[in-house]
Amino acid sequence: MELSTKTRIESLINSSPIMVFMKGTKLMPQCGFSNNVVQILNALGMSFETFDVLSDVEIRQGIKDYSNWPTIPQVYLKGEFLGGSDILIEMYNSGELLEKLEIALAS
């Protein structure tokens, strides 16, 4: 990955406590998996930002390389990679996601 792409990704990740790299935007998700993540975060009342990977080929591939995770969406919490749609659904259903978000955002 080019250094400029890595720098842009890190800047995006650090621009919001909760950053979601997804297809589309939080107002207009462009795939079901991205929509799942948006719905979960909205249901928890969380404020979050998104980046539409469909708008930038370098970031779309770069974020997969950066996290060593092959799929989109990808959710970052205070700079830490949380996971994608399936992991967030699992964490949401167990109550772990709300707890993790509240602890991270309180500090």
PDB file of N, CA and C in Angstrom:
ATOM      1  N   MET A   1       0.846  -1.179   0.000  1.00  0.00           N
ATOM      2  CA  MET A   1       0.000   0.000   0.000  1.00  0.00           C
ATOM      3  C   MET A   1       0.891   1.242   0.000  1.00  0.00           C
ATOM      4  N   GLU A   2       0.495   2.229  -0.779  1.00  0.00           N
ATOM      5  CA  GLU A   2       1.255   3.473  -0.822  1.00  0.00           C
ATOM      6  C   GLU A   2       1.126   4.206   0.508  1.00  0.00           C
ATOM      7  N   LEU A   3       2.197   4.897   0.877  1.00  0.00           N
ATOM      8  CA  LEU A   3       2.214   5.643   2.133  1.00  0.00           C
ATOM      9  C   LEU A   3       1.095   6.682   2.158  1.00  0.00           C
ATOM     10  N   SER A   4       0.833   7.335   1.038  1.00  0.00           N
ATOM     11  CA  SER A   4      -0.215   8.358   1.005  1.00  0.00           C
ATOM     12  C   SER A   4      -1.591   7.757   1.290  1.00  0.00           C
ATOM     13  N   THR A   5      -1.836   6.554   0.794  1.00  0.00           N
ATOM     14  CA  THR A   5      -3.117   5.877   1.047  1.00  0.00           C
ATOM     15  C   THR A   5      -3.212   5.499   2.523  1.00  0.00           C
ATOM     16  N   LYS A   6      -2.130   4.970   3.069  1.00  0.00           N
ATOM     17  CA  LYS A   6      -2.116   4.602   4.493  1.00  0.00           C
ATOM     18  C   LYS A   6      -2.349   5.832   5.364  1.00  0.00           C
ATOM     19  N   THR A   7      -1.711   6.937   5.018  1.00  0.00           N
ATOM     20  CA  THR A   7      -1.870   8.181   5.773  1.00  0.00           C
ATOM     21  C   THR A   7      -3.313   8.670   5.709  1.00  0.00           C
ATOM     22  N   ARG A   8      -3.927   8.593   4.525  1.00  0.00           N
ATOM     23  CA  ARG A   8      -5.330   9.004   4.375  1.00  0.00           C
ATOM     24  C   ARG A   8      -6.252   8.115   5.210  1.00  0.00           C
ATOM     25  N   ILE A   9      -5.998   6.809   5.197  1.00  0.00           N
ATOM     26  CA  ILE A   9      -6.815   5.877   5.974  1.00  0.00           C
ATOM     27  C   ILE A   9      -6.700   6.189   7.466  1.00  0.00           C
ATOM     28  N   GLU A  10      -5.482   6.379   7.942  1.00  0.00           N
ATOM     29  CA  GLU A  10      -5.283   6.682   9.361  1.00  0.00           C
ATOM     30  C   GLU A  10      -5.949   7.999   9.739  1.00  0.00           C
ATOM     31  N   SER A  11      -5.897   8.972   8.852  1.00  0.00           N
ATOM     32  CA  SER A  11      -6.542  10.254   9.094  1.00  0.00           C
ATOM     33  C   SER A  11      -8.064  10.086   9.194  1.00  0.00           C
ATOM     34  N   LEU A  12      -8.629   9.280   8.309  1.00  0.00           N
ATOM     35  CA  LEU A  12     -10.069   9.011   8.354  1.00  0.00           C
ATOM     36  C   LEU A  12     -10.450   8.275   9.636  1.00  0.00           C
ATOM     37  N   ILE A  13      -9.687   7.258   9.987  1.00  0.00           N
ATOM     38  CA  ILE A  13      -9.977   6.472  11.191  1.00  0.00           C
ATOM     39  C   ILE A  13      -9.961   7.368  12.429  1.00  0.00           C
ATOM     40  N   ASN A  14      -9.015   8.295  12.461  1.00  0.00           N
ATOM     41  CA  ASN A  14      -8.864   9.163  13.632  1.00  0.00           C
ATOM     42  C   ASN A  14      -9.767  10.391  13.600  1.00  0.00           C
ATOM     43  N   SER A  15     -10.550  10.559  12.528  1.00  0.00           N
ATOM     44  CA  SER A  15     -11.395  11.747  12.409  1.00  0.00           C
ATOM     45  C   SER A  15     -12.691  11.649  13.216  1.00  0.00           C
ATOM     46  N   SER A  16     -13.009  10.456  13.702  1.00  0.00           N
ATOM     47  CA  SER A  16     -14.238  10.254  14.474  1.00  0.00           C
ATOM     48  C   SER A  16     -14.043   9.081  15.433  1.00  0.00           C
ATOM     49  N   PRO A  17     -14.614   9.162  16.639  1.00  0.00           N
ATOM     50  CA  PRO A  17     -14.490   8.027  17.568  1.00  0.00           C
ATOM     51  C   PRO A  17     -15.025   6.723  16.963  1.00  0.00           C
ATOM     52  N   ILE A  18     -16.102   6.807  16.191  1.00  0.00           N
ATOM     53  CA  ILE A  18     -16.621   5.631  15.485  1.00  0.00           C
ATOM     54  C   ILE A  18     -16.610   5.957  13.992  1.00  0.00           C
ATOM     55  N   MET A  19     -15.793   5.217  13.249  1.00  0.00           N
ATOM     56  CA  MET A  19     -15.693   5.420  11.800  1.00  0.00           C
ATOM     57  C   MET A  19     -16.059   4.117  11.098  1.00  0.00           C
ATOM     58  N   VAL A  20     -16.938   4.226  10.117  1.00  0.00           N
ATOM     59  CA  VAL A  20     -17.382   3.069   9.356  1.00  0.00           C
ATOM     60  C   VAL A  20     -16.978   3.261   7.894  1.00  0.00           C
ATOM     61  N   PHE A  21     -16.180   2.327   7.394  1.00  0.00           N
ATOM     62  CA  PHE A  21     -15.866   2.277   5.970  1.00  0.00           C
ATOM     63  C   PHE A  21     -16.904   1.360   5.359  1.00  0.00           C
ATOM     64  N   MET A  22     -17.702   1.911   4.455  1.00  0.00           N
ATOM     65  CA  MET A  22     -18.855   1.164   3.960  1.00  0.00           C
ATOM     66  C   MET A  22     -19.139   1.498   2.506  1.00  0.00           C
ATOM     67  N   LYS A  23     -20.045   0.744   1.927  1.00  0.00           N
ATOM     68  CA  LYS A  23     -20.527   1.039   0.582  1.00  0.00           C
ATOM     69  C   LYS A  23     -21.737   1.955   0.737  1.00  0.00           C
ATOM     70  N   GLY A  24     -21.580   3.186   0.262  1.00  0.00           N
ATOM     71  CA  GLY A  24     -22.624   4.185   0.430  1.00  0.00           C
ATOM     72  C   GLY A  24     -22.357   5.042   1.649  1.00  0.00           C
ATOM     73  N   THR A  25     -23.400   5.709   2.116  1.00  0.00           N
ATOM     74  CA  THR A  25     -23.300   6.585   3.285  1.00  0.00           C
ATOM     75  C   THR A  25     -24.307   6.142   4.333  1.00  0.00           C
ATOM     76  N   LYS A  26     -24.219   6.724   5.528  1.00  0.00           N
ATOM     77  CA  LYS A  26     -25.167   6.330   6.567  1.00  0.00           C
ATOM     78  C   LYS A  26     -26.596   6.709   6.197  1.00  0.00           C
ATOM     79  N   LEU A  27     -26.760   7.707   5.341  1.00  0.00           N
ATOM     80  CA  LEU A  27     -28.097   8.087   4.894  1.00  0.00           C
ATOM     81  C   LEU A  27     -28.572   7.252   3.706  1.00  0.00           C
ATOM     82  N   MET A  28     -27.611   6.664   2.977  1.00  0.00           N
ATOM     83  CA  MET A  28     -27.958   5.885   1.790  1.00  0.00           C
ATOM     84  C   MET A  28     -26.981   4.717   1.631  1.00  0.00           C
ATOM     85  N   PRO A  29     -27.101   3.695   2.501  1.00  0.00           N
ATOM     86  CA  PRO A  29     -26.233   2.521   2.355  1.00  0.00           C
ATOM     87  C   PRO A  29     -26.470   1.845   1.000  1.00  0.00           C
ATOM     88  N   GLN A  30     -25.390   1.341   0.398  1.00  0.00           N
ATOM     89  CA  GLN A  30     -25.483   0.746  -0.926  1.00  0.00           C
ATOM     90  C   GLN A  30     -25.364  -0.778  -0.910  1.00  0.00           C
ATOM     91  N   CYS A  31     -25.346  -1.383   0.279  1.00  0.00           N
ATOM     92  CA  CYS A  31     -25.396  -2.843   0.365  1.00  0.00           C
ATOM     93  C   CYS A  31     -25.998  -3.235   1.702  1.00  0.00           C
ATOM     94  N   GLY A  32     -26.510  -4.439   1.752  1.00  0.00           N
ATOM     95  CA  GLY A  32     -27.194  -4.912   2.957  1.00  0.00           C
ATOM     96  C   GLY A  32     -26.297  -4.988   4.179  1.00  0.00           C
ATOM     97  N   PHE A  33     -25.043  -5.368   3.985  1.00  0.00           N
ATOM     98  CA  PHE A  33     -24.123  -5.490   5.116  1.00  0.00           C
ATOM     99  C   PHE A  33     -23.825  -4.117   5.707  1.00  0.00           C
ATOM    100  N   SER A  34     -23.611  -3.128   4.826  1.00  0.00           N
ATOM    101  CA  SER A  34     -23.384  -1.758   5.303  1.00  0.00           C
ATOM    102  C   SER A  34     -24.633  -1.244   6.018  1.00  0.00           C
ATOM    103  N   ASN A  35     -25.796  -1.550   5.466  1.00  0.00           N
ATOM    104  CA  ASN A  35     -27.049  -1.129   6.094  1.00  0.00           C
ATOM    105  C   ASN A  35     -27.199  -1.752   7.483  1.00  0.00           C
ATOM    106  N   ASN A  36     -26.817  -3.019   7.641  1.00  0.00           N
ATOM    107  CA  ASN A  36     -26.881  -3.672   8.961  1.00  0.00           C
ATOM    108  C   ASN A  36     -26.099  -2.881  10.001  1.00  0.00           C
ATOM    109  N   VAL A  37     -24.885  -2.482   9.639  1.00  0.00           N
ATOM    110  CA  VAL A  37     -24.028  -1.755  10.580  1.00  0.00           C
ATOM    111  C   VAL A  37     -24.658  -0.407  10.936  1.00  0.00           C
ATOM    112  N   VAL A  38     -25.159   0.304   9.929  1.00  0.00           N
ATOM    113  CA  VAL A  38     -25.801   1.606  10.168  1.00  0.00           C
ATOM    114  C   VAL A  38     -27.001   1.436  11.099  1.00  0.00           C
ATOM    115  N   GLN A  39     -27.824   0.422  10.854  1.00  0.00           N
ATOM    116  CA  GLN A  39     -29.023   0.193  11.671  1.00  0.00           C
ATOM    117  C   GLN A  39     -28.657  -0.133  13.120  1.00  0.00           C
ATOM    118  N   ILE A  40     -27.609  -0.933  13.307  1.00  0.00           N
ATOM    119  CA  ILE A  40     -27.170  -1.287  14.658  1.00  0.00           C
ATOM    120  C   ILE A  40     -26.694  -0.042  15.404  1.00  0.00           C
ATOM    121  N   LEU A  41     -25.818   0.742  14.772  1.00  0.00           N
ATOM    122  CA  LEU A  41     -25.295   1.936  15.443  1.00  0.00           C
ATOM    123  C   LEU A  41     -26.406   2.947  15.713  1.00  0.00           C
ATOM    124  N   ASN A  42     -27.349   3.089  14.783  1.00  0.00           N
ATOM    125  CA  ASN A  42     -28.492   3.981  15.008  1.00  0.00           C
ATOM    126  C   ASN A  42     -29.366   3.474  16.152  1.00  0.00           C
ATOM    127  N   ALA A  43     -29.587   2.157  16.213  1.00  0.00           N
ATOM    128  CA  ALA A  43     -30.416   1.572  17.278  1.00  0.00           C
ATOM    129  C   ALA A  43     -29.798   1.812  18.653  1.00  0.00           C
ATOM    130  N   LEU A  44     -28.467   1.863  18.693  1.00  0.00           N
ATOM    131  CA  LEU A  44     -27.768   2.107  19.956  1.00  0.00           C
ATOM    132  C   LEU A  44     -27.634   3.599  20.254  1.00  0.00           C
ATOM    133  N   GLY A  45     -28.095   4.424  19.335  1.00  0.00           N
ATOM    134  CA  GLY A  45     -28.042   5.873  19.536  1.00  0.00           C
ATOM    135  C   GLY A  45     -26.636   6.440  19.435  1.00  0.00           C
ATOM    136  N   MET A  46     -25.780   5.771  18.682  1.00  0.00           N
ATOM    137  CA  MET A  46     -24.388   6.195  18.572  1.00  0.00           C
ATOM    138  C   MET A  46     -24.199   7.209  17.444  1.00  0.00           C
ATOM    139  N   SER A  47     -23.368   8.183  17.713  1.00  0.00           N
ATOM    140  CA  SER A  47     -22.954   9.129  16.691  1.00  0.00           C
ATOM    141  C   SER A  47     -21.742   8.521  15.991  1.00  0.00           C
ATOM    142  N   PHE A  48     -21.754   8.527  14.661  1.00  0.00           N
ATOM    143  CA  PHE A  48     -20.648   7.922  13.927  1.00  0.00           C
ATOM    144  C   PHE A  48     -20.507   8.587  12.571  1.00  0.00           C
ATOM    145  N   GLU A  49     -19.355   8.422  11.978  1.00  0.00           N
ATOM    146  CA  GLU A  49     -19.090   8.940  10.644  1.00  0.00           C
ATOM    147  C   GLU A  49     -18.850   7.771   9.706  1.00  0.00           C
ATOM    148  N   THR A  50     -19.046   8.020   8.413  1.00  0.00           N
ATOM    149  CA  THR A  50     -18.842   6.974   7.420  1.00  0.00           C
ATOM    150  C   THR A  50     -17.959   7.491   6.295  1.00  0.00           C
ATOM    151  N   PHE A  51     -17.337   6.553   5.618  1.00  0.00           N
ATOM    152  CA  PHE A  51     -16.610   6.851   4.389  1.00  0.00           C
ATOM    153  C   PHE A  51     -17.099   5.884   3.327  1.00  0.00           C
ATOM    154  N   ASP A  52     -17.528   6.432   2.188  1.00  0.00           N
ATOM    155  CA  ASP A  52     -18.043   5.626   1.090  1.00  0.00           C
ATOM    156  C   ASP A  52     -16.883   5.099   0.256  1.00  0.00           C
ATOM    157  N   VAL A  53     -16.581   3.807   0.410  1.00  0.00           N
ATOM    158  CA  VAL A  53     -15.453   3.212  -0.329  1.00  0.00           C
ATOM    159  C   VAL A  53     -15.730   3.135  -1.830  1.00  0.00           C
ATOM    160  N   LEU A  54     -16.998   3.240  -2.224  1.00  0.00           N
ATOM    161  CA  LEU A  54     -17.324   3.228  -3.655  1.00  0.00           C
ATOM    162  C   LEU A  54     -16.835   4.510  -4.340  1.00  0.00           C
ATOM    163  N   SER A  55     -16.565   5.539  -3.548  1.00  0.00           N
ATOM    164  CA  SER A  55     -16.131   6.819  -4.103  1.00  0.00           C
ATOM    165  C   SER A  55     -14.618   6.897  -4.280  1.00  0.00           C
ATOM    166  N   ASP A  56     -13.882   5.889  -3.799  1.00  0.00           N
ATOM    167  CA  ASP A  56     -12.418   5.972  -3.816  1.00  0.00           C
ATOM    168  C   ASP A  56     -11.811   4.575  -3.894  1.00  0.00           C
ATOM    169  N   VAL A  57     -11.311   4.213  -5.079  1.00  0.00           N
ATOM    170  CA  VAL A  57     -10.761   2.871  -5.312  1.00  0.00           C
ATOM    171  C   VAL A  57      -9.561   2.586  -4.410  1.00  0.00           C
ATOM    172  N   GLU A  58      -8.701   3.584  -4.195  1.00  0.00           N
ATOM    173  CA  GLU A  58      -7.512   3.375  -3.348  1.00  0.00           C
ATOM    174  C   GLU A  58      -7.902   3.045  -1.910  1.00  0.00           C
ATOM    175  N   ILE A  59      -8.860   3.769  -1.375  1.00  0.00           N
ATOM    176  CA  ILE A  59      -9.306   3.502  -0.002  1.00  0.00           C
ATOM    177  C   ILE A  59     -10.057   2.174   0.051  1.00  0.00           C
ATOM    178  N   ARG A  60     -10.837   1.894  -0.979  1.00  0.00           N
ATOM    179  CA  ARG A  60     -11.624   0.643  -0.999  1.00  0.00           C
ATOM    180  C   ARG A  60     -10.717  -0.572  -0.851  1.00  0.00           C
ATOM    181  N   GLN A  61      -9.617  -0.615  -1.592  1.00  0.00           N
ATOM    182  CA  GLN A  61      -8.678  -1.726  -1.459  1.00  0.00           C
ATOM    183  C   GLN A  61      -7.757  -1.517  -0.258  1.00  0.00           C
ATOM    184  N   GLY A  62      -7.349  -0.280  -0.058  1.00  0.00           N
ATOM    185  CA  GLY A  62      -6.391   0.030   1.008  1.00  0.00           C
ATOM    186  C   GLY A  62      -6.885  -0.331   2.396  1.00  0.00           C
ATOM    187  N   ILE A  63      -8.185  -0.111   2.661  1.00  0.00           N
ATOM    188  CA  ILE A  63      -8.705  -0.411   3.996  1.00  0.00           C
ATOM    189  C   ILE A  63      -8.674  -1.911   4.260  1.00  0.00           C
ATOM    190  N   LYS A  64      -8.851  -2.710   3.212  1.00  0.00           N
ATOM    191  CA  LYS A  64      -8.779  -4.167   3.367  1.00  0.00           C
ATOM    192  C   LYS A  64      -7.349  -4.592   3.713  1.00  0.00           C
ATOM    193  N   ASP A  65      -6.378  -3.960   3.057  1.00  0.00           N
ATOM    194  CA  ASP A  65      -4.973  -4.255   3.343  1.00  0.00           C
ATOM    195  C   ASP A  65      -4.585  -3.751   4.738  1.00  0.00           C
ATOM    196  N   TYR A  66      -5.059  -2.558   5.065  1.00  0.00           N
ATOM    197  CA  TYR A  66      -4.722  -1.913   6.342  1.00  0.00           C
ATOM    198  C   TYR A  66      -5.168  -2.781   7.525  1.00  0.00           C
ATOM    199  N   SER A  67      -6.390  -3.287   7.458  1.00  0.00           N
ATOM    200  CA  SER A  67      -6.953  -4.064   8.567  1.00  0.00           C
ATOM    201  C   SER A  67      -6.666  -5.561   8.450  1.00  0.00           C
ATOM    202  N   ASN A  68      -6.168  -5.960   7.271  1.00  0.00           N
ATOM    203  CA  ASN A  68      -6.008  -7.390   6.980  1.00  0.00           C
ATOM    204  C   ASN A  68      -7.357  -8.105   7.111  1.00  0.00           C
ATOM    205  N   TRP A  69      -8.395  -7.441   6.626  1.00  0.00           N
ATOM    206  CA  TRP A  69      -9.766  -7.952   6.670  1.00  0.00           C
ATOM    207  C   TRP A  69     -10.345  -7.812   5.263  1.00  0.00           C
ATOM    208  N   PRO A  70     -10.877  -8.896   4.679  1.00  0.00           N
ATOM    209  CA  PRO A  70     -11.197  -8.885   3.248  1.00  0.00           C
ATOM    210  C   PRO A  70     -12.514  -8.219   2.840  1.00  0.00           C
ATOM    211  N   THR A  71     -13.355  -7.876   3.800  1.00  0.00           N
ATOM    212  CA  THR A  71     -14.687  -7.412   3.426  1.00  0.00           C
ATOM    213  C   THR A  71     -14.987  -6.003   3.927  1.00  0.00           C
ATOM    214  N   ILE A  72     -16.002  -5.417   3.321  1.00  0.00           N
ATOM    215  CA  ILE A  72     -16.549  -4.115   3.687  1.00  0.00           C
ATOM    216  C   ILE A  72     -17.984  -4.394   4.114  1.00  0.00           C
ATOM    217  N   PRO A  73     -18.522  -3.788   5.134  1.00  0.00           N
ATOM    218  CA  PRO A  73     -18.012  -2.655   5.888  1.00  0.00           C
ATOM    219  C   PRO A  73     -16.980  -3.042   6.940  1.00  0.00           C
ATOM    220  N   GLN A  74     -16.282  -2.008   7.391  1.00  0.00           N
ATOM    221  CA  GLN A  74     -15.332  -2.158   8.485  1.00  0.00           C
ATOM    222  C   GLN A  74     -15.595  -1.040   9.483  1.00  0.00           C
ATOM    223  N   VAL A  75     -15.639  -1.416  10.760  1.00  0.00           N
ATOM    224  CA  VAL A  75     -15.944  -0.453  11.813  1.00  0.00           C
ATOM    225  C   VAL A  75     -14.727  -0.278  12.713  1.00  0.00           C
ATOM    226  N   TYR A  76     -14.388   0.977  12.959  1.00  0.00           N
ATOM    227  CA  TYR A  76     -13.280   1.329  13.845  1.00  0.00           C
ATOM    228  C   TYR A  76     -13.823   2.108  15.031  1.00  0.00           C
ATOM    229  N   LEU A  77     -13.342   1.759  16.211  1.00  0.00           N
ATOM    230  CA  LEU A  77     -13.723   2.434  17.448  1.00  0.00           C
ATOM    231  C   LEU A  77     -12.461   2.997  18.081  1.00  0.00           C
ATOM    232  N   LYS A  78     -12.389   4.318  18.117  1.00  0.00           N
ATOM    233  CA  LYS A  78     -11.211   5.011  18.669  1.00  0.00           C
ATOM    234  C   LYS A  78      -9.915   4.448  18.087  1.00  0.00           C
ATOM    235  N   GLY A  79      -9.904   4.253  16.786  1.00  0.00           N
ATOM    236  CA  GLY A  79      -8.714   3.801  16.084  1.00  0.00           C
ATOM    237  C   GLY A  79      -8.518   2.304  16.040  1.00  0.00           C
ATOM    238  N   GLU A  80      -9.335   1.554  16.772  1.00  0.00           N
ATOM    239  CA  GLU A  80      -9.194   0.097  16.836  1.00  0.00           C
ATOM    240  C   GLU A  80     -10.223  -0.560  15.917  1.00  0.00           C
ATOM    241  N   PHE A  81      -9.781  -1.524  15.118  1.00  0.00           N
ATOM    242  CA  PHE A  81     -10.677  -2.247  14.232  1.00  0.00           C
ATOM    243  C   PHE A  81     -11.576  -3.163  15.050  1.00  0.00           C
ATOM    244  N   LEU A  82     -12.898  -2.971  14.919  1.00  0.00           N
ATOM    245  CA  LEU A  82     -13.862  -3.818  15.632  1.00  0.00           C
ATOM    246  C   LEU A  82     -14.265  -5.026  14.807  1.00  0.00           C
ATOM    247  N   GLY A  83     -14.561  -4.799  13.532  1.00  0.00           N
ATOM    248  CA  GLY A  83     -14.990  -5.894  12.677  1.00  0.00           C
ATOM    249  C   GLY A  83     -15.947  -5.407  11.621  1.00  0.00           C
ATOM    250  N   GLY A  84     -16.593  -6.366  10.981  1.00  0.00           N
ATOM    251  CA  GLY A  84     -17.553  -6.068   9.933  1.00  0.00           C
ATOM    252  C   GLY A  84     -18.963  -6.353  10.388  1.00  0.00           C
ATOM    253  N   SER A  85     -19.839  -6.517   9.431  1.00  0.00           N
ATOM    254  CA  SER A  85     -21.264  -6.684   9.703  1.00  0.00           C
ATOM    255  C   SER A  85     -21.552  -7.883  10.609  1.00  0.00           C
ATOM    256  N   ASP A  86     -21.025  -9.049  10.273  1.00  0.00           N
ATOM    257  CA  ASP A  86     -21.323 -10.257  11.051  1.00  0.00           C
ATOM    258  C   ASP A  86     -20.863 -10.132  12.501  1.00  0.00           C
ATOM    259  N   ILE A  87     -19.672  -9.581  12.684  1.00  0.00           N
ATOM    260  CA  ILE A  87     -19.136  -9.425  14.040  1.00  0.00           C
ATOM    261  C   ILE A  87     -19.975  -8.422  14.828  1.00  0.00           C
ATOM    262  N   LEU A  88     -20.355  -7.309  14.183  1.00  0.00           N
ATOM    263  CA  LEU A  88     -21.173  -6.322  14.887  1.00  0.00           C
ATOM    264  C   LEU A  88     -22.541  -6.894  15.263  1.00  0.00           C
ATOM    265  N   ILE A  89     -23.134  -7.677  14.372  1.00  0.00           N
ATOM    266  CA  ILE A  89     -24.427  -8.303  14.682  1.00  0.00           C
ATOM    267  C   ILE A  89     -24.290  -9.209  15.897  1.00  0.00           C
ATOM    268  N   GLU A  90     -23.234 -10.018  15.899  1.00  0.00           N
ATOM    269  CA  GLU A  90     -22.982 -10.928  17.022  1.00  0.00           C
ATOM    270  C   GLU A  90     -22.793 -10.155  18.336  1.00  0.00           C
ATOM    271  N   MET A  91     -21.962  -9.111  18.271  1.00  0.00           N
ATOM    272  CA  MET A  91     -21.688  -8.304  19.472  1.00  0.00           C
ATOM    273  C   MET A  91     -22.939  -7.554  19.934  1.00  0.00           C
ATOM    274  N   TYR A  92     -23.735  -7.086  18.988  1.00  0.00           N
ATOM    275  CA  TYR A  92     -24.978  -6.381  19.311  1.00  0.00           C
ATOM    276  C   TYR A  92     -25.940  -7.322  20.029  1.00  0.00           C
ATOM    277  N   ASN A  93     -26.120  -8.513  19.466  1.00  0.00           N
ATOM    278  CA  ASN A  93     -27.060  -9.484  20.037  1.00  0.00           C
ATOM    279  C   ASN A  93     -26.657  -9.945  21.429  1.00  0.00           C
ATOM    280  N   SER A  94     -25.358  -9.994  21.712  1.00  0.00           N
ATOM    281  CA  SER A  94     -24.889 -10.444  23.028  1.00  0.00           C
ATOM    282  C   SER A  94     -24.841  -9.300  24.045  1.00  0.00           C
ATOM    283  N   GLY A  95     -24.992  -8.061  23.574  1.00  0.00           N
ATOM    284  CA  GLY A  95     -24.883  -6.911  24.473  1.00  0.00           C
ATOM    285  C   GLY A  95     -23.463  -6.392  24.601  1.00  0.00           C
ATOM    286  N   GLU A  96     -22.514  -7.124  24.042  1.00  0.00           N
ATOM    287  CA  GLU A  96     -21.103  -6.751  24.147  1.00  0.00           C
ATOM    288  C   GLU A  96     -20.799  -5.444  23.417  1.00  0.00           C
ATOM    289  N   LEU A  97     -21.472  -5.201  22.299  1.00  0.00           N
ATOM    290  CA  LEU A  97     -21.179  -4.010  21.502  1.00  0.00           C
ATOM    291  C   LEU A  97     -21.505  -2.738  22.267  1.00  0.00           C
ATOM    292  N   LEU A  98     -22.686  -2.657  22.842  1.00  0.00           N
ATOM    293  CA  LEU A  98     -23.079  -1.464  23.597  1.00  0.00           C
ATOM    294  C   LEU A  98     -22.100  -1.210  24.733  1.00  0.00           C
ATOM    295  N   GLU A  99     -21.749  -2.264  25.461  1.00  0.00           N
ATOM    296  CA  GLU A  99     -20.810  -2.132  26.573  1.00  0.00           C
ATOM    297  C   GLU A  99     -19.460  -1.610  26.094  1.00  0.00           C
ATOM    298  N   LYS A 100     -18.947  -2.189  25.023  1.00  0.00           N
ATOM    299  CA  LYS A 100     -17.644  -1.787  24.476  1.00  0.00           C
ATOM    300  C   LYS A 100     -17.679  -0.338  23.991  1.00  0.00           C
ATOM    301  N   LEU A 101     -18.735   0.046  23.319  1.00  0.00           N
ATOM    302  CA  LEU A 101     -18.870   1.417  22.832  1.00  0.00           C
ATOM    303  C   LEU A 101     -18.946   2.407  23.988  1.00  0.00           C
ATOM    304  N   GLU A 102     -19.763   2.100  24.975  1.00  0.00           N
ATOM    305  CA  GLU A 102     -19.926   3.014  26.114  1.00  0.00           C
ATOM    306  C   GLU A 102     -18.614   3.200  26.868  1.00  0.00           C
ATOM    307  N   ILE A 103     -17.880   2.118  27.088  1.00  0.00           N
ATOM    308  CA  ILE A 103     -16.601   2.210  27.795  1.00  0.00           C
ATOM    309  C   ILE A 103     -15.597   3.028  26.987  1.00  0.00           C
ATOM    310  N   ALA A 104     -15.487   2.733  25.711  1.00  0.00           N
ATOM    311  CA  ALA A 104     -14.511   3.442  24.860  1.00  0.00           C
ATOM    312  C   ALA A 104     -14.842   4.916  24.739  1.00  0.00           C
ATOM    313  N   LEU A 105     -16.110   5.242  24.591  1.00  0.00           N
ATOM    314  CA  LEU A 105     -16.501   6.628  24.383  1.00  0.00           C
ATOM    315  C   LEU A 105     -16.499   7.440  25.667  1.00  0.00           C
ATOM    316  N   ALA A 106     -16.524   6.752  26.815  1.00  0.00           N
ATOM    317  CA  ALA A 106     -16.488   7.443  28.103  1.00  0.00           C
ATOM    318  C   ALA A 106     -15.068   7.885  28.460  1.00  0.00           C
ATOM    319  N   SER A 107     -14.081   7.211  27.893  1.00  0.00           N
ATOM    320  CA  SER A 107     -12.695   7.532  28.246  1.00  0.00           C
ATOM    321  C   SER A 107     -12.097   8.570  27.328  1.00  0.00           C
TER     322      SER A 107
END
